[in-house]
C-alpha cells in the first residue's frame, strides 16, 4: 500500500522550510543573537535531512555488520549492550562495528569531520 502521506515528502518539507528560513528571512534586519538562533535552526534542518536521506542505507550497513558480528541484527543500544556483555564476538569485529557506527553517526551530524 502506498504511503498515505506521499506528498509532500519529509525531505520536501525540510527543503521548503530550509528555503523559507534561508531565502525569506532578511538577516540584515535581525539582531546578532537572532541570526545565531536561525543558523542553529538551519544546521538542525541539515542534520534531519541527512538522517532522512541516509537512514535506509545506514540501517542496512549496520544490520549487515551486526549480523556478521553477533549473528543477529542489532536494533537498539540496549541490544548492543546485551551482546557486548555476553562477549560472543571477536574483539576486532566489535572494534570494526563500533568504528563504523561512530563514522555513520558523524556522517549525519557533521560530515565535514570525516574529510581528509
Protein backbone atom coordinates (compact mmCIF):
# COMPACT_ATOMS: atom_id res chain seq x y z
CA UNK A 1 0.00 0.00 0.00
CA UNK A 2 1.30 3.43 -0.89
CA UNK A 3 2.10 5.72 2.00
CA UNK A 4 -0.94 7.85 2.79
CA UNK A 5 1.37 10.79 3.35
CA UNK A 6 3.12 10.56 -0.01
CA UNK A 7 3.29 14.28 -0.89
CA UNK A 8 4.89 16.37 0.21
CA UNK A 9 7.60 14.00 1.43
CA UNK A 10 9.57 14.55 4.62
CA UNK A 11 12.55 15.65 2.54
CA UNK A 12 10.43 18.09 0.54
CA UNK A 13 9.06 19.64 3.71
CA UNK A 14 12.57 20.08 5.09
CA UNK A 15 13.69 21.66 1.79
CA UNK A 16 10.81 24.15 1.86
CA UNK A 17 11.47 25.07 5.48
CA UNK A 18 15.20 25.47 4.76
CA UNK A 19 14.40 27.64 1.74
CA UNK A 20 11.99 29.77 3.75
CA UNK A 21 14.47 30.41 6.56
CA UNK A 22 17.46 30.94 4.30
CA UNK A 23 15.82 32.91 1.47
CA UNK A 24 12.84 34.68 3.02
CA UNK A 25 14.31 35.99 6.27
CA UNK A 26 16.22 39.24 5.99
CA UNK A 27 19.33 38.55 8.07
CA UNK A 28 20.38 42.19 7.85
CA UNK A 29 17.33 43.19 9.90
CA UNK A 30 17.92 40.58 12.59
CA UNK A 31 19.97 41.13 15.68
CA UNK A 32 23.12 39.10 16.19
CA UNK A 33 21.55 36.67 18.68
CA UNK A 34 18.61 36.06 16.35
CA UNK A 35 20.96 35.35 13.43
CA UNK A 36 22.79 32.84 15.64
CA UNK A 37 19.48 31.12 16.51
CA UNK A 38 18.43 30.95 12.85
CA UNK A 39 21.79 29.43 11.89
CA UNK A 40 21.32 26.78 14.59
CA UNK A 41 17.87 26.02 13.16
CA UNK A 42 19.36 25.70 9.66
CA UNK A 43 22.01 23.30 10.93
CA UNK A 44 19.34 21.20 12.63
CA UNK A 45 17.42 21.04 9.37
CA UNK A 46 20.56 19.85 7.55
CA UNK A 47 21.06 17.08 10.12
CA UNK A 48 17.43 15.97 9.87
CA UNK A 49 17.66 15.97 6.07
CA UNK A 50 20.79 13.78 6.16
CA UNK A 51 19.02 11.43 8.58
CA UNK A 52 16.03 11.15 6.26
CA UNK A 53 18.15 10.69 3.13
CA UNK A 54 20.59 8.18 4.61
CA UNK A 55 18.60 6.21 7.19
CA UNK A 56 17.89 3.17 4.99
CA UNK A 57 21.46 2.91 3.70
CA UNK A 58 22.97 3.28 7.17
CA UNK A 59 20.50 0.84 8.75
CA UNK A 60 21.30 -1.78 6.11
CA UNK A 61 25.04 -1.33 6.55
CA UNK A 62 24.85 -1.60 10.36
CA UNK A 63 22.42 -4.55 10.17
CA UNK A 64 24.86 -6.38 7.90
CA UNK A 65 27.75 -5.63 10.25
CA UNK A 66 25.80 -6.74 13.32
CA UNK A 67 24.74 -9.95 11.55
CA UNK A 68 28.36 -10.79 10.83
CA UNK A 69 29.49 -9.88 14.34
CA UNK A 70 26.67 -11.16 16.53
CA UNK A 71 24.68 -13.40 14.19
CA UNK A 72 21.65 -11.13 14.59
CA UNK A 73 20.56 -7.60 13.78
CA UNK A 74 21.16 -5.04 16.50
CA UNK A 75 18.19 -2.66 16.54
CA UNK A 76 18.83 -0.70 19.73
CA UNK A 77 21.55 0.47 22.09
CA UNK A 78 20.17 -1.88 24.74
CA UNK A 79 20.52 -4.87 22.39
CA UNK A 80 24.10 -3.83 21.57
CA UNK A 81 24.91 -3.56 25.30
CA UNK A 82 23.47 -7.02 25.97
CA UNK A 83 25.52 -8.55 23.15
CA UNK A 84 28.70 -6.87 24.37
CA UNK A 85 28.09 -8.15 27.91
CA UNK A 86 27.69 -11.71 26.56
CA UNK A 87 31.10 -11.45 24.83
CA UNK A 88 30.16 -13.75 21.92
CA UNK A 89 32.27 -11.99 19.29
CA UNK A 90 35.84 -11.24 18.35
CA UNK A 91 37.41 -8.06 19.70
CA UNK A 92 38.44 -6.93 16.20
CA UNK A 93 34.90 -7.35 14.89
CA UNK A 94 33.45 -5.32 17.75
CA UNK A 95 36.02 -2.60 17.16
CA UNK A 96 35.08 -2.50 13.46
CA UNK A 97 31.36 -2.36 14.30
CA UNK A 98 31.78 0.48 16.80
CA UNK A 99 34.07 2.36 14.42
CA UNK A 100 31.56 2.06 11.56
CA UNK A 101 28.68 3.02 13.87
CA UNK A 102 30.57 6.12 15.02
CA UNK A 103 31.52 7.01 11.46
CA UNK A 104 27.90 6.78 10.31
CA UNK A 105 26.72 8.93 13.21
CA UNK A 106 29.34 11.57 12.39
CA UNK A 107 28.37 11.45 8.71
CA UNK A 108 24.91 12.58 9.81
CA UNK A 109 25.91 15.08 12.50
CA UNK A 110 28.76 16.79 10.66
CA UNK A 111 30.14 15.11 7.52
CA UNK A 112 32.95 17.65 7.24
CA UNK A 113 34.64 15.92 10.20
CA UNK A 114 35.21 12.82 8.03
CA UNK A 115 37.02 14.62 5.23
CA UNK A 116 40.77 14.02 4.95
